[in-house]
Amino acid sequence: MPPHSLLRRSCFQPHRPAPVRPFGAGPRQAFATLAAPLVLPILLVLLAILLLPGATPAQAAPPRQFVLDTFAIETRDGTLVLRLGVGVDDPDGLRDLLKDGAEMELRGTATLTRRRGVLPDVTLAEKVFACVLRHDTLTREFELRLEGREAPWRDKNLTRLLEGTWKRLVLPLAPIAGLEKGEPHRVSLALSLRHTDVPPWLSRTLFFWSWEVVPDATFTQDFTY
């Protein structure tokens, strides 16, 4: 065999070593490396979904204000009496709040004063009433407890319950003999409707919460006896 042929066959071929893999590297690490840039966008999408109005349990919308159906000053058996019909502008919203577990107290303060022009008014009488309203999930009844009365009123129909209670409040103010004839007088009624406890949905809501179910309100009526 010619020498040049032997020389050709024995030519040295350089050997390229296989790339060295770091200790512990494998398919899982490769997947993590590829997925890392996607983690932040996915988290942002999930956060946006959670913040959507329908993504979390909806909190019932409360009423916005008191509605006074009746505010009448009468005399009964020698006593000046205030007859009231108290309500809210959104009874359905009130019903939803109660069914969601809210318990609330309606409190009213009626004050009878004699007006004296530039001088301070004279307070003749002050009466306070309070009643707690809640929904019994076991009996599915709405319950109203009036302060000073042992037995509560119960009804599965909230409208009917309030028609017989909030809408028919009667407050004896003062004997007529204590009024001065021909002098101006005023009856003021301060109302509040507040939660008696933290509502159960508070832990799930992201919005500001207040103890007030509706803003406090004051109504006045002047009269001359």
C-alpha atoms as a PDB file:
ATOM      1  CA  MET A   1       0.000   0.000   0.000  1.00  0.00           C
ATOM      2  CA  PRO A   2       1.393   3.372  -0.865  1.00  0.00           C
ATOM      3  CA  PRO A   3       2.693   5.303   2.154  1.00  0.00           C
ATOM      4  CA  HIS A   4       0.528   8.272   1.474  1.00  0.00           C
ATOM      5  CA  SER A   5      -2.604   6.155   1.887  1.00  0.00           C
ATOM      6  CA  LEU A   6      -1.541   5.040   5.374  1.00  0.00           C
ATOM      7  CA  LEU A   7      -0.815   8.565   6.345  1.00  0.00           C
ATOM      8  CA  ARG A   8      -4.254   9.668   5.210  1.00  0.00           C
ATOM      9  CA  ARG A   9      -6.041   7.063   7.331  1.00  0.00           C
ATOM     10  CA  SER A  10      -4.088   7.808  10.449  1.00  0.00           C
ATOM     11  CA  CYS A  11      -4.766  11.549  10.404  1.00  0.00           C
ATOM     12  CA  PHE A  12      -5.775  12.799  13.854  1.00  0.00           C
ATOM     13  CA  GLN A  13      -9.443  13.853  14.144  1.00  0.00           C
ATOM     14  CA  PRO A  14     -10.018  16.376  16.981  1.00  0.00           C
ATOM     15  CA  HIS A  15     -12.571  15.182  19.588  1.00  0.00           C
ATOM     16  CA  ARG A  16     -15.174  17.685  20.816  1.00  0.00           C
ATOM     17  CA  PRO A  17     -16.241  16.926  24.382  1.00  0.00           C
ATOM     18  CA  ALA A  18     -19.974  16.898  25.199  1.00  0.00           C
ATOM     19  CA  PRO A  19     -21.224  20.050  26.920  1.00  0.00           C
ATOM     20  CA  VAL A  20     -20.962  19.807  30.661  1.00  0.00           C
ATOM     21  CA  ARG A  21     -24.406  19.898  32.361  1.00  0.00           C
ATOM     22  CA  PRO A  22     -24.526  21.640  35.720  1.00  0.00           C
ATOM     23  CA  PHE A  23     -25.146  19.371  38.669  1.00  0.00           C
ATOM     24  CA  GLY A  24     -28.866  18.800  39.145  1.00  0.00           C
ATOM     25  CA  ALA A  25     -29.866  20.312  35.801  1.00  0.00           C
ATOM     26  CA  GLY A  26     -32.599  18.501  33.939  1.00  0.00           C
ATOM     27  CA  PRO A  27     -35.916  18.846  32.091  1.00  0.00           C
ATOM     28  CA  ARG A  28     -37.644  20.434  35.098  1.00  0.00           C
ATOM     29  CA  GLN A  29     -35.107  23.229  35.293  1.00  0.00           C
ATOM     30  CA  ALA A  30     -35.428  23.865  31.593  1.00  0.00           C
ATOM     31  CA  PHE A  31     -39.220  24.094  31.908  1.00  0.00           C
ATOM     32  CA  ALA A  32     -38.925  26.477  34.859  1.00  0.00           C
ATOM     33  CA  THR A  33     -36.574  28.676  32.880  1.00  0.00           C
ATOM     34  CA  LEU A  34     -39.057  28.877  30.011  1.00  0.00           C
ATOM     35  CA  ALA A  35     -42.100  29.432  32.264  1.00  0.00           C
ATOM     36  CA  ALA A  36     -40.572  32.117  34.493  1.00  0.00           C
ATOM     37  CA  PRO A  37     -41.419  35.049  32.169  1.00  0.00           C
ATOM     38  CA  LEU A  38     -45.079  33.904  32.106  1.00  0.00           C
ATOM     39  CA  VAL A  39     -45.639  33.865  35.879  1.00  0.00           C
ATOM     40  CA  LEU A  40     -46.080  37.620  36.376  1.00  0.00           C
ATOM     41  CA  PRO A  41     -48.633  38.100  33.540  1.00  0.00           C
ATOM     42  CA  ILE A  42     -50.647  35.134  34.840  1.00  0.00           C
ATOM     43  CA  LEU A  43     -50.691  36.548  38.370  1.00  0.00           C
ATOM     44  CA  LEU A  44     -51.813  39.940  37.061  1.00  0.00           C
ATOM     45  CA  VAL A  45     -54.663  38.334  35.112  1.00  0.00           C
ATOM     46  CA  LEU A  46     -55.810  36.397  38.197  1.00  0.00           C
ATOM     47  CA  LEU A  47     -55.717  39.558  40.304  1.00  0.00           C
ATOM     48  CA  ALA A  48     -57.780  41.437  37.717  1.00  0.00           C
ATOM     49  CA  ILE A  49     -60.374  38.646  37.723  1.00  0.00           C
ATOM     50  CA  LEU A  50     -60.638  38.745  41.513  1.00  0.00           C
ATOM     51  CA  LEU A  51     -61.223  42.486  41.438  1.00  0.00           C
ATOM     52  CA  LEU A  52     -64.108  42.234  38.976  1.00  0.00           C
ATOM     53  CA  PRO A  53     -67.508  43.046  40.581  1.00  0.00           C
ATOM     54  CA  GLY A  54     -68.878  39.574  39.950  1.00  0.00           C
ATOM     55  CA  ALA A  55     -65.795  37.667  41.017  1.00  0.00           C
ATOM     56  CA  THR A  56     -66.347  38.053  44.778  1.00  0.00           C
ATOM     57  CA  PRO A  57     -69.539  37.526  46.796  1.00  0.00           C
ATOM     58  CA  ALA A  58     -71.748  40.548  46.191  1.00  0.00           C
ATOM     59  CA  GLN A  59     -72.600  42.744  49.143  1.00  0.00           C
ATOM     60  CA  ALA A  60     -76.187  43.898  49.228  1.00  0.00           C
ATOM     61  CA  ALA A  61     -76.599  47.591  48.439  1.00  0.00           C
ATOM     62  CA  PRO A  62     -77.980  49.498  51.451  1.00  0.00           C
ATOM     63  CA  PRO A  63     -80.788  52.074  51.322  1.00  0.00           C
ATOM     64  CA  ARG A  64     -79.682  55.684  50.918  1.00  0.00           C
ATOM     65  CA  GLN A  65     -81.999  57.654  53.227  1.00  0.00           C
ATOM     66  CA  PHE A  66     -84.916  57.664  55.638  1.00  0.00           C
ATOM     67  CA  VAL A  67     -88.443  58.248  54.401  1.00  0.00           C
ATOM     68  CA  LEU A  68     -90.929  59.690  56.884  1.00  0.00           C
ATOM     69  CA  ASP A  69     -94.423  58.730  55.753  1.00  0.00           C
ATOM     70  CA  THR A  70     -96.144  60.143  58.840  1.00  0.00           C
ATOM     71  CA  PHE A  71     -95.084  62.938  61.189  1.00  0.00           C
ATOM     72  CA  ALA A  72     -98.229  64.037  63.024  1.00  0.00           C
ATOM     73  CA  ILE A  73     -98.703  65.834  66.344  1.00  0.00           C
ATOM     74  CA  GLU A  74    -101.950  64.919  68.093  1.00  0.00           C
ATOM     75  CA  THR A  75    -103.633  65.114  71.483  1.00  0.00           C
ATOM     76  CA  ARG A  76    -104.926  61.976  73.161  1.00  0.00           C
ATOM     77  CA  ASP A  77    -106.478  61.928  76.616  1.00  0.00           C
ATOM     78  CA  GLY A  78    -104.802  65.155  77.648  1.00  0.00           C
ATOM     79  CA  THR A  79    -101.385  64.148  76.295  1.00  0.00           C
ATOM     80  CA  LEU A  80     -99.452  65.497  73.337  1.00  0.00           C
ATOM     81  CA  VAL A  81     -98.598  62.526  71.121  1.00  0.00           C
ATOM     82  CA  LEU A  82     -96.257  62.137  68.160  1.00  0.00           C
ATOM     83  CA  ARG A  83     -97.423  59.658  65.533  1.00  0.00           C
ATOM     84  CA  LEU A  84     -94.746  58.387  63.143  1.00  0.00           C
ATOM     85  CA  GLY A  85     -94.403  56.287  60.014  1.00  0.00           C
ATOM     86  CA  VAL A  86     -90.716  55.530  59.468  1.00  0.00           C
ATOM     87  CA  GLY A  87     -89.242  53.829  56.402  1.00  0.00           C
ATOM     88  CA  VAL A  88     -86.307  53.820  53.993  1.00  0.00           C
ATOM     89  CA  ASP A  89     -86.112  54.659  50.312  1.00  0.00           C
ATOM     90  CA  ASP A  90     -85.105  51.109  49.292  1.00  0.00           C
ATOM     91  CA  PRO A  91     -86.985  48.399  51.241  1.00  0.00           C
ATOM     92  CA  ASP A  92     -85.598  45.703  48.929  1.00  0.00           C
ATOM     93  CA  GLY A  93     -82.041  46.744  49.761  1.00  0.00           C
ATOM     94  CA  LEU A  94     -82.911  46.588  53.458  1.00  0.00           C
ATOM     95  CA  ARG A  95     -84.344  43.100  52.997  1.00  0.00           C
ATOM     96  CA  ASP A  96     -81.207  41.917  51.203  1.00  0.00           C
ATOM     97  CA  LEU A  97     -78.958  43.235  53.965  1.00  0.00           C
ATOM     98  CA  LEU A  98     -80.970  41.394  56.607  1.00  0.00           C
ATOM     99  CA  LYS A  99     -80.948  38.148  54.647  1.00  0.00           C
ATOM    100  CA  ASP A 100     -77.183  38.472  54.271  1.00  0.00           C
ATOM    101  CA  GLY A 101     -76.899  38.391  58.062  1.00  0.00           C
ATOM    102  CA  ALA A 102     -77.010  42.056  59.072  1.00  0.00           C
ATOM    103  CA  GLU A 103     -78.589  43.021  62.391  1.00  0.00           C
ATOM    104  CA  MET A 104     -79.524  46.667  62.807  1.00  0.00           C
ATOM    105  CA  GLU A 105     -81.053  49.021  65.341  1.00  0.00           C
ATOM    106  CA  LEU A 106     -83.450  51.838  64.574  1.00  0.00           C
ATOM    107  CA  ARG A 107     -83.152  54.524  67.253  1.00  0.00           C
ATOM    108  CA  GLY A 108     -85.200  57.691  67.471  1.00  0.00           C
ATOM    109  CA  THR A 109     -85.177  60.659  69.821  1.00  0.00           C
ATOM    110  CA  ALA A 110     -88.186  62.979  69.876  1.00  0.00           C
ATOM    111  CA  THR A 111     -87.746  66.337  71.603  1.00  0.00           C
ATOM    112  CA  LEU A 112     -90.473  68.844  72.454  1.00  0.00           C
ATOM    113  CA  THR A 113     -89.300  72.426  72.954  1.00  0.00           C
ATOM    114  CA  ARG A 114     -90.869  75.831  73.440  1.00  0.00           C
ATOM    115  CA  ARG A 115     -89.422  78.442  71.093  1.00  0.00           C
ATOM    116  CA  ARG A 116     -88.290  81.715  72.635  1.00  0.00           C
ATOM    117  CA  GLY A 117     -86.935  83.704  69.725  1.00  0.00           C
ATOM    118  CA  VAL A 118     -83.488  85.068  70.492  1.00  0.00           C
ATOM    119  CA  LEU A 119     -83.387  83.209  73.809  1.00  0.00           C
ATOM    120  CA  PRO A 120     -82.495  79.503  74.002  1.00  0.00           C
ATOM    121  CA  ASP A 121     -85.407  77.129  73.526  1.00  0.00           C
ATOM    122  CA  VAL A 122     -86.827  75.384  76.591  1.00  0.00           C
ATOM    123  CA  THR A 123     -86.927  71.589  76.458  1.00  0.00           C
ATOM    124  CA  LEU A 124     -90.270  70.308  77.721  1.00  0.00           C
ATOM    125  CA  ALA A 125     -89.915  66.587  77.007  1.00  0.00           C
ATOM    126  CA  GLU A 126     -87.655  64.035  75.358  1.00  0.00           C
ATOM    127  CA  LYS A 127     -88.596  60.482  74.414  1.00  0.00           C
ATOM    128  CA  VAL A 128     -86.334  57.765  73.018  1.00  0.00           C
ATOM    129  CA  PHE A 129     -87.327  54.547  71.279  1.00  0.00           C
ATOM    130  CA  ALA A 130     -85.146  51.747  69.906  1.00  0.00           C
ATOM    131  CA  CYS A 131     -85.856  48.517  68.088  1.00  0.00           C
ATOM    132  CA  VAL A 132     -83.562  45.824  66.683  1.00  0.00           C
ATOM    133  CA  LEU A 133     -84.290  44.213  63.327  1.00  0.00           C
ATOM    134  CA  ARG A 134     -82.811  40.905  62.138  1.00  0.00           C
ATOM    135  CA  HIS A 135     -83.528  37.852  59.997  1.00  0.00           C
ATOM    136  CA  ASP A 136     -83.790  34.371  61.512  1.00  0.00           C
ATOM    137  CA  THR A 137     -82.189  31.962  59.032  1.00  0.00           C
ATOM    138  CA  LEU A 138     -83.730  28.916  60.752  1.00  0.00           C
ATOM    139  CA  THR A 139     -87.366  30.037  60.642  1.00  0.00           C
ATOM    140  CA  ARG A 140     -86.826  32.387  57.667  1.00  0.00           C
ATOM    141  CA  GLU A 141     -88.679  35.076  59.575  1.00  0.00           C
ATOM    142  CA  PHE A 142     -87.824  38.713  60.080  1.00  0.00           C
ATOM    143  CA  GLU A 143     -87.772  39.651  63.748  1.00  0.00           C
ATOM    144  CA  LEU A 144     -88.224  43.053  65.369  1.00  0.00           C
ATOM    145  CA  ARG A 145     -87.578  43.639  69.078  1.00  0.00           C
ATOM    146  CA  LEU A 146     -88.770  46.880  70.629  1.00  0.00           C
ATOM    147  CA  GLU A 147     -86.854  48.110  73.661  1.00  0.00           C
ATOM    148  CA  GLY A 148     -89.013  47.604  76.757  1.00  0.00           C
ATOM    149  CA  ARG A 149     -91.196  44.921  75.159  1.00  0.00           C
ATOM    150  CA  GLU A 150     -90.503  41.259  75.908  1.00  0.00           C
ATOM    151  CA  ALA A 151     -92.141  39.503  72.974  1.00  0.00           C
ATOM    152  CA  PRO A 152     -90.764  40.306  69.506  1.00  0.00           C
ATOM    153  CA  TRP A 153     -92.773  40.714  66.330  1.00  0.00           C
ATOM    154  CA  ARG A 154     -92.099  38.068  63.675  1.00  0.00           C
ATOM    155  CA  ASP A 155     -93.134  37.778  60.046  1.00  0.00           C
ATOM    156  CA  LYS A 156     -91.722  36.156  56.914  1.00  0.00           C
ATOM    157  CA  ASN A 157     -92.830  39.239  54.991  1.00  0.00           C
ATOM    158  CA  LEU A 158     -90.638  42.229  55.875  1.00  0.00           C
ATOM    159  CA  THR A 159     -93.015  44.771  54.344  1.00  0.00           C
ATOM    160  CA  ARG A 160     -95.905  43.497  56.442  1.00  0.00           C
ATOM    161  CA  LEU A 161     -93.740  43.451  59.573  1.00  0.00           C
ATOM    162  CA  LEU A 162     -92.653  47.071  59.132  1.00  0.00           C
ATOM    163  CA  GLU A 163     -96.179  48.204  58.267  1.00  0.00           C
ATOM    164  CA  GLY A 164     -97.267  47.093  61.730  1.00  0.00           C
ATOM    165  CA  THR A 165     -94.259  48.474  63.615  1.00  0.00           C
ATOM    166  CA  TRP A 166     -92.065  51.174  62.062  1.00  0.00           C
ATOM    167  CA  LYS A 167     -95.048  52.632  60.225  1.00  0.00           C
ATOM    168  CA  ARG A 168     -97.219  52.838  63.366  1.00  0.00           C
ATOM    169  CA  LEU A 169     -95.024  54.335  66.052  1.00  0.00           C
ATOM    170  CA  VAL A 170     -96.752  56.416  68.736  1.00  0.00           C
ATOM    171  CA  LEU A 171     -94.726  58.437  71.251  1.00  0.00           C
ATOM    172  CA  PRO A 172     -96.438  60.214  74.175  1.00  0.00           C
ATOM    173  CA  LEU A 173     -94.494  63.460  74.633  1.00  0.00           C
ATOM    174  CA  ALA A 174     -95.944  65.574  77.436  1.00  0.00           C
ATOM    175  CA  PRO A 175     -99.208  66.555  79.139  1.00  0.00           C
ATOM    176  CA  ILE A 176    -101.044  69.306  77.326  1.00  0.00           C
ATOM    177  CA  ALA A 177    -101.160  71.232  80.580  1.00  0.00           C
ATOM    178  CA  GLY A 178     -97.420  71.849  80.247  1.00  0.00           C
ATOM    179  CA  LEU A 179     -97.847  73.782  76.999  1.00  0.00           C
ATOM    180  CA  GLU A 180     -98.357  77.522  76.897  1.00  0.00           C
ATOM    181  CA  LYS A 181    -101.262  78.604  74.737  1.00  0.00           C
ATOM    182  CA  GLY A 182    -100.396  80.886  71.876  1.00  0.00           C
ATOM    183  CA  GLU A 183     -96.663  80.151  72.167  1.00  0.00           C
ATOM    184  CA  PRO A 184     -94.626  78.538  69.371  1.00  0.00           C
ATOM    185  CA  HIS A 185     -93.387  75.009  69.989  1.00  0.00           C
ATOM    186  CA  ARG A 186     -91.254  72.578  68.039  1.00  0.00           C
ATOM    187  CA  VAL A 187     -91.001  68.800  67.836  1.00  0.00           C
ATOM    188  CA  SER A 188     -87.679  67.432  66.568  1.00  0.00           C
ATOM    189  CA  LEU A 189     -87.097  63.820  65.613  1.00  0.00           C
ATOM    190  CA  ALA A 190     -83.550  62.457  65.258  1.00  0.00           C
ATOM    191  CA  LEU A 191     -83.301  59.046  63.561  1.00  0.00           C
ATOM    192  CA  SER A 192     -80.426  56.612  63.159  1.00  0.00           C
ATOM    193  CA  LEU A 193     -80.212  53.119  61.682  1.00  0.00           C
ATOM    194  CA  ARG A 194     -76.965  51.352  62.537  1.00  0.00           C
ATOM    195  CA  HIS A 195     -75.457  47.887  62.495  1.00  0.00           C
ATOM    196  CA  THR A 196     -75.372  46.296  65.945  1.00  0.00           C
ATOM    197  CA  ASP A 197     -72.427  44.102  64.953  1.00  0.00           C
ATOM    198  CA  VAL A 198     -69.893  43.708  62.154  1.00  0.00           C
ATOM    199  CA  PRO A 199     -71.757  42.176  59.174  1.00  0.00           C
ATOM    200  CA  PRO A 200     -70.519  38.714  58.079  1.00  0.00           C
ATOM    201  CA  TRP A 201     -69.572  39.915  54.596  1.00  0.00           C
ATOM    202  CA  LEU A 202     -67.121  42.522  55.916  1.00  0.00           C
ATOM    203  CA  SER A 203     -64.266  39.993  55.788  1.00  0.00           C
ATOM    204  CA  ARG A 204     -64.961  39.489  52.083  1.00  0.00           C
ATOM    205  CA  THR A 205     -65.389  43.050  50.912  1.00  0.00           C
ATOM    206  CA  LEU A 206     -62.668  45.365  49.650  1.00  0.00           C
ATOM    207  CA  PHE A 207     -64.669  48.532  50.060  1.00  0.00           C
ATOM    208  CA  PHE A 208     -65.077  51.022  52.898  1.00  0.00           C
ATOM    209  CA  TRP A 209     -67.681  50.026  55.448  1.00  0.00           C
ATOM    210  CA  SER A 210     -69.615  52.163  57.929  1.00  0.00           C
ATOM    211  CA  TRP A 211     -71.695  51.352  60.994  1.00  0.00           C
ATOM    212  CA  GLU A 212     -74.484  53.452  59.466  1.00  0.00           C
ATOM    213  CA  VAL A 213     -77.022  51.609  57.344  1.00  0.00           C
ATOM    214  CA  VAL A 214     -78.353  54.984  56.209  1.00  0.00           C
ATOM    215  CA  PRO A 215     -77.130  58.467  57.188  1.00  0.00           C
ATOM    216  CA  ASP A 216     -78.604  59.941  60.363  1.00  0.00           C
ATOM    217  CA  ALA A 217     -81.494  62.327  59.780  1.00  0.00           C
ATOM    218  CA  THR A 218     -83.417  64.956  61.751  1.00  0.00           C
ATOM    219  CA  PHE A 219     -86.988  66.083  61.064  1.00  0.00           C
ATOM    220  CA  THR A 220     -88.706  69.065  62.689  1.00  0.00           C
ATOM    221  CA  GLN A 221     -92.225  70.440  62.884  1.00  0.00           C
ATOM    222  CA  ASP A 222     -93.321  73.734  64.419  1.00  0.00           C
ATOM    223  CA  PHE A 223     -96.777  74.316  65.885  1.00  0.00           C
ATOM    224  CA  THR A 224     -98.631  76.717  68.121  1.00  0.00           C
ATOM    225  CA  TYR A 225    -100.884  75.331  70.810  1.00  0.00           C
END
